[in-house]
């Protein structure tokens, strides 16, 4: 339990530090238009981000590996990259480890979340360091975990944003992946927006959701953190039953 609490504190520290650092440097938008164009001095393009992650995995093959998972449905297809961090002995019955799944970029317009995924991988590979974090304690914790990171769950939606649809949150065929799971599928809240929150024709109708469900079922994470952005604040959302 102590290790779990320490790891939860570590993850929250990374998320909080990154978001508030980013806001402190780039948060004054008072003179900008209501819809701000993507500043590629601040953000990677989706291609460059995934290329840099691929190169990082190659540099640290002793602890990082990457696989790409594809799925399709009715003429629409998607591919998701999954990066696995495991240092030392593999997870097994004789050497059980805490399993953590971190997913980012479920909504195409939430670019900063994928940047956070990149920063977390940089810290796990020890190319970057978290200020104030005791390295010995961190390494002791990380020896006991397996972490799967999905840097960009909705690559097709992200490409729509990069193509000019700057407020697009849905996938490549107009479905909100955050509403495409079986729990509360089709439920309409008071502020329901049928355009932005289109749940799809059925639960798990979308290839991206199918891939994430398959990953969750096979990996059986003890902790799953799905990171979103959109406000100048950092909070924990209500735990999901999904």
Protein backbone atom coordinates (compact mmCIF):
# COMPACT_ATOMS: atom_id res chain seq x y z
CA UNK A 1 0.00 0.00 0.00
CA UNK A 2 2.86 2.39 0.80
CA UNK A 3 4.36 1.80 -2.65
CA UNK A 4 0.98 2.43 -4.25
CA UNK A 5 0.55 5.72 -2.40
CA UNK A 6 4.10 6.78 -3.30
CA UNK A 7 3.53 5.97 -6.95
CA UNK A 8 0.19 7.80 -7.01
CA UNK A 9 1.95 10.83 -5.52
CA UNK A 10 4.68 10.55 -8.17
CA UNK A 11 2.18 10.46 -11.05
CA UNK A 12 0.15 13.35 -9.68
CA UNK A 13 3.36 15.35 -9.12
CA UNK A 14 4.35 14.93 -12.77
CA UNK A 15 0.91 15.91 -14.03
CA UNK A 16 0.62 18.92 -11.72
CA UNK A 17 4.16 20.15 -12.35
CA UNK A 18 3.84 19.88 -16.14
CA UNK A 19 0.47 21.61 -16.40
CA UNK A 20 1.29 24.48 -14.07
CA UNK A 21 4.75 24.96 -15.61
CA UNK A 22 3.15 25.13 -19.03
CA UNK A 23 0.53 27.60 -17.84
CA UNK A 24 3.09 29.82 -16.10
CA UNK A 25 5.11 30.11 -19.31
CA UNK A 26 2.37 30.12 -21.94
CA UNK A 27 -0.86 30.75 -20.07
CA UNK A 28 -1.53 34.42 -20.93
CA UNK A 29 -3.94 34.31 -23.87
CA UNK A 30 -5.53 37.72 -23.25
CA UNK A 31 -4.36 39.14 -26.56
CA UNK A 32 -5.05 36.05 -28.63
CA UNK A 33 -8.13 35.13 -30.64
CA UNK A 34 -10.83 32.89 -29.13
CA UNK A 35 -9.57 29.97 -31.23
CA UNK A 36 -5.80 29.87 -31.04
CA UNK A 37 -3.82 28.31 -33.86
CA UNK A 38 -1.45 25.49 -32.96
CA UNK A 39 1.94 26.85 -32.02
CA UNK A 40 4.46 24.27 -33.13
CA UNK A 41 7.14 26.03 -31.13
CA UNK A 42 5.25 24.72 -28.08
CA UNK A 43 3.71 21.51 -29.35
CA UNK A 44 4.98 18.62 -31.44
CA UNK A 45 3.05 17.63 -34.52
CA UNK A 46 1.53 14.18 -34.13
CA UNK A 47 4.10 12.70 -36.52
CA UNK A 48 7.07 14.34 -34.82
CA UNK A 49 5.84 13.36 -31.38
CA UNK A 50 5.45 9.70 -32.28
CA UNK A 51 8.79 9.70 -34.13
CA UNK A 52 10.54 11.09 -31.04
CA UNK A 53 8.88 8.51 -28.82
CA UNK A 54 9.94 5.74 -31.20
CA UNK A 55 13.54 6.99 -31.09
CA UNK A 56 13.42 7.19 -27.29
CA UNK A 57 12.21 3.59 -27.08
CA UNK A 58 15.09 2.56 -29.33
CA UNK A 59 17.60 4.36 -27.09
CA UNK A 60 16.26 2.67 -23.96
CA UNK A 61 15.34 -0.81 -25.12
CA UNK A 62 16.40 -2.17 -21.72
CA UNK A 63 13.26 -0.69 -20.17
CA UNK A 64 11.01 0.54 -22.99
CA UNK A 65 9.24 -1.30 -25.81
CA UNK A 66 6.55 -0.24 -28.25
CA UNK A 67 3.85 -2.01 -30.22
CA UNK A 68 1.21 -0.74 -32.61
CA UNK A 69 -2.30 -2.17 -32.50
CA UNK A 70 -4.73 -1.85 -35.40
CA UNK A 71 -8.48 -2.33 -35.67
CA UNK A 72 -11.17 -1.51 -38.20
CA UNK A 73 -14.94 -1.37 -38.54
CA UNK A 74 -17.12 -0.70 -41.60
CA UNK A 75 -14.40 0.90 -43.67
CA UNK A 76 -12.91 2.95 -40.87
CA UNK A 77 -9.60 1.95 -39.27
CA UNK A 78 -7.37 3.17 -36.47
CA UNK A 79 -3.94 2.42 -35.07
CA UNK A 80 -2.73 3.04 -31.53
CA UNK A 81 0.86 2.93 -30.28
CA UNK A 82 1.41 1.44 -26.83
CA UNK A 83 4.70 1.99 -25.00
CA UNK A 84 5.57 -0.39 -22.15
CA UNK A 85 7.93 0.48 -19.33
CA UNK A 86 9.37 -2.44 -17.37
CA UNK A 87 12.73 -2.25 -15.62
CA UNK A 88 14.49 -5.36 -14.40
CA UNK A 89 12.55 -8.59 -13.98
CA UNK A 90 9.33 -9.07 -15.93
CA UNK A 91 5.92 -9.22 -14.28
CA UNK A 92 5.14 -12.83 -13.35
CA UNK A 93 3.53 -14.99 -10.68
CA UNK A 94 6.93 -15.31 -9.01
CA UNK A 95 7.67 -11.59 -9.39
CA UNK A 96 4.32 -9.73 -9.37
CA UNK A 97 4.39 -6.05 -10.24
CA UNK A 98 1.88 -3.25 -10.01
CA UNK A 99 0.31 -2.70 -13.45
CA UNK A 100 -0.50 0.86 -14.52
CA UNK A 101 -2.16 2.05 -17.72
CA UNK A 102 -1.81 5.72 -18.71
CA UNK A 103 -3.76 6.97 -21.74
CA UNK A 104 -3.62 10.40 -23.37
CA UNK A 105 -5.05 12.21 -26.38
CA UNK A 106 -8.50 10.63 -26.35
CA UNK A 107 -9.86 13.94 -27.63
CA UNK A 108 -8.05 15.29 -30.67
CA UNK A 109 -7.92 18.91 -29.52
CA UNK A 110 -6.26 18.11 -26.16
CA UNK A 111 -2.71 18.38 -27.46
CA UNK A 112 -1.08 19.05 -24.12
CA UNK A 113 -2.01 15.60 -22.80
CA UNK A 114 0.18 13.89 -25.40
CA UNK A 115 2.99 16.27 -24.50
CA UNK A 116 2.59 15.08 -20.91
CA UNK A 117 2.84 11.47 -22.09
CA UNK A 118 6.11 12.35 -23.80
CA UNK A 119 7.43 14.01 -20.64
CA UNK A 120 6.50 11.03 -18.47
CA UNK A 121 8.32 8.69 -20.85
CA UNK A 122 11.32 11.03 -20.74
CA UNK A 123 11.35 10.77 -16.95
CA UNK A 124 10.91 6.99 -16.99
CA UNK A 125 13.85 6.71 -19.38
CA UNK A 126 15.84 9.11 -17.17
CA UNK A 127 16.38 11.59 -19.99
CA UNK A 128 14.49 14.14 -17.90
CA UNK A 129 14.14 14.50 -14.14
CA UNK A 130 11.34 15.70 -11.91
CA UNK A 131 12.54 18.56 -9.66
CA UNK A 132 12.51 17.69 -5.99
CA UNK A 133 12.03 13.97 -6.52
CA UNK A 134 14.40 11.64 -4.69
CA UNK A 135 15.88 9.49 -7.46
CA UNK A 136 16.70 6.52 -5.23
CA UNK A 137 13.15 6.34 -3.87
CA UNK A 138 11.70 6.74 -7.36
CA UNK A 139 13.83 3.95 -8.80
CA UNK A 140 12.87 1.68 -5.91
CA UNK A 141 9.20 2.23 -6.76
CA UNK A 142 9.67 1.86 -10.51
CA UNK A 143 11.39 -1.50 -10.06
CA UNK A 144 8.05 -2.80 -8.79
CA UNK A 145 5.77 -1.60 -11.60
CA UNK A 146 4.90 -2.15 -15.23
CA UNK A 147 3.53 0.93 -16.97
CA UNK A 148 1.79 0.98 -20.34
CA UNK A 149 1.52 4.42 -21.92
CA UNK A 150 -0.83 5.29 -24.79
CA UNK A 151 0.53 8.69 -25.93
CA UNK A 152 -2.16 9.41 -28.53
CA UNK A 153 -5.34 7.36 -28.40
CA UNK A 154 -7.16 9.36 -31.09
CA UNK A 155 -4.60 9.89 -33.85
CA UNK A 156 -7.27 10.33 -36.55
CA UNK A 157 -9.01 13.06 -34.57
CA UNK A 158 -5.66 14.69 -33.84
CA UNK A 159 -4.95 14.89 -37.57
CA UNK A 160 -8.27 16.67 -38.10
CA UNK A 161 -7.20 19.26 -35.53
CA UNK A 162 -3.84 19.68 -37.23
CA UNK A 163 -5.70 20.08 -40.52
CA UNK A 164 -7.61 23.10 -39.22
CA UNK A 165 -10.57 21.76 -37.21
CA UNK A 166 -9.02 23.17 -34.05
CA UNK A 167 -11.90 22.38 -31.67
CA UNK A 168 -12.49 18.81 -32.86
CA UNK A 169 -12.67 16.31 -30.01
CA UNK A 170 -14.15 13.34 -31.87
CA UNK A 171 -12.43 10.57 -33.83
CA UNK A 172 -12.01 10.38 -37.60
CA UNK A 173 -15.66 9.62 -38.24
CA UNK A 174 -17.29 11.91 -35.73
CA UNK A 175 -17.65 9.78 -32.60
CA UNK A 176 -16.67 10.91 -29.10
CA UNK A 177 -14.50 8.05 -27.85
CA UNK A 178 -15.16 9.12 -24.27
CA UNK A 179 -18.85 8.27 -24.81
CA UNK A 180 -18.33 5.03 -26.76
CA UNK A 181 -17.92 2.68 -23.80
CA UNK A 182 -20.70 0.43 -22.52
CA UNK A 183 -21.10 2.14 -19.13
CA UNK A 184 -23.82 4.80 -19.44
CA UNK A 185 -23.70 4.53 -23.24
CA UNK A 186 -26.25 6.90 -24.78
CA UNK A 187 -26.91 8.70 -21.50
CA UNK A 188 -27.69 12.37 -22.04
CA UNK A 189 -26.70 14.84 -19.34
CA UNK A 190 -28.38 18.27 -19.03
CA UNK A 191 -25.63 19.90 -21.09
CA UNK A 192 -25.56 17.11 -23.71
CA UNK A 193 -24.26 18.23 -27.10
CA UNK A 194 -25.25 15.73 -29.81
CA UNK A 195 -22.51 16.96 -32.13
CA UNK A 196 -19.57 16.89 -29.73
CA UNK A 197 -20.73 13.93 -27.64
CA UNK A 198 -21.92 11.55 -30.35
CA UNK A 199 -21.60 8.11 -28.66
CA UNK A 200 -21.54 6.11 -31.91
CA UNK A 201 -24.04 3.57 -33.18
CA UNK A 202 -23.33 1.15 -30.32
CA UNK A 203 -20.93 0.65 -27.40
CA UNK A 204 -17.43 -0.10 -28.69
CA UNK A 205 -18.44 0.63 -32.26
CA UNK A 206 -15.17 2.49 -32.80
CA UNK A 207 -11.82 0.80 -33.51
CA UNK A 208 -10.05 3.03 -30.98
CA UNK A 209 -12.41 1.92 -28.20
CA UNK A 210 -12.04 -1.70 -29.26
CA UNK A 211 -8.26 -1.44 -29.05
CA UNK A 212 -8.37 0.17 -25.60
CA UNK A 213 -10.82 -2.44 -24.31
CA UNK A 214 -8.61 -5.25 -25.62
CA UNK A 215 -5.56 -3.64 -24.00
CA UNK A 216 -7.34 -3.25 -20.67
CA UNK A 217 -8.64 -6.82 -20.67
CA UNK A 218 -5.26 -8.34 -21.53
CA UNK A 219 -3.15 -6.11 -19.26
CA UNK A 220 -5.56 -6.02 -16.30
CA UNK A 221 -4.22 -2.75 -14.83
CA UNK A 222 -4.47 -2.07 -11.12
CA UNK A 223 -4.57 1.65 -11.97
CA UNK A 224 -5.83 3.31 -15.16
CA UNK A 225 -5.40 7.07 -15.57
CA UNK A 226 -7.05 8.68 -18.62
CA UNK A 227 -5.69 12.23 -18.87
CA UNK A 228 -7.72 15.13 -20.31
CA UNK A 229 -7.26 18.90 -20.54
CA UNK A 230 -9.28 21.99 -21.29
CA UNK A 231 -9.19 24.32 -18.28
CA UNK A 232 -6.49 26.17 -16.37
CA UNK A 233 -6.77 23.77 -13.46
CA UNK A 234 -5.71 20.28 -12.46
CA UNK A 235 -8.32 18.07 -10.78
CA UNK A 236 -9.22 14.43 -10.38
CA UNK A 237 -12.49 13.55 -12.12
CA UNK A 238 -15.08 11.21 -10.63
CA UNK A 239 -13.82 7.60 -10.82
CA UNK A 240 -15.30 5.80 -13.81
CA UNK A 241 -17.01 2.42 -13.64
CA UNK A 242 -15.78 1.61 -17.16
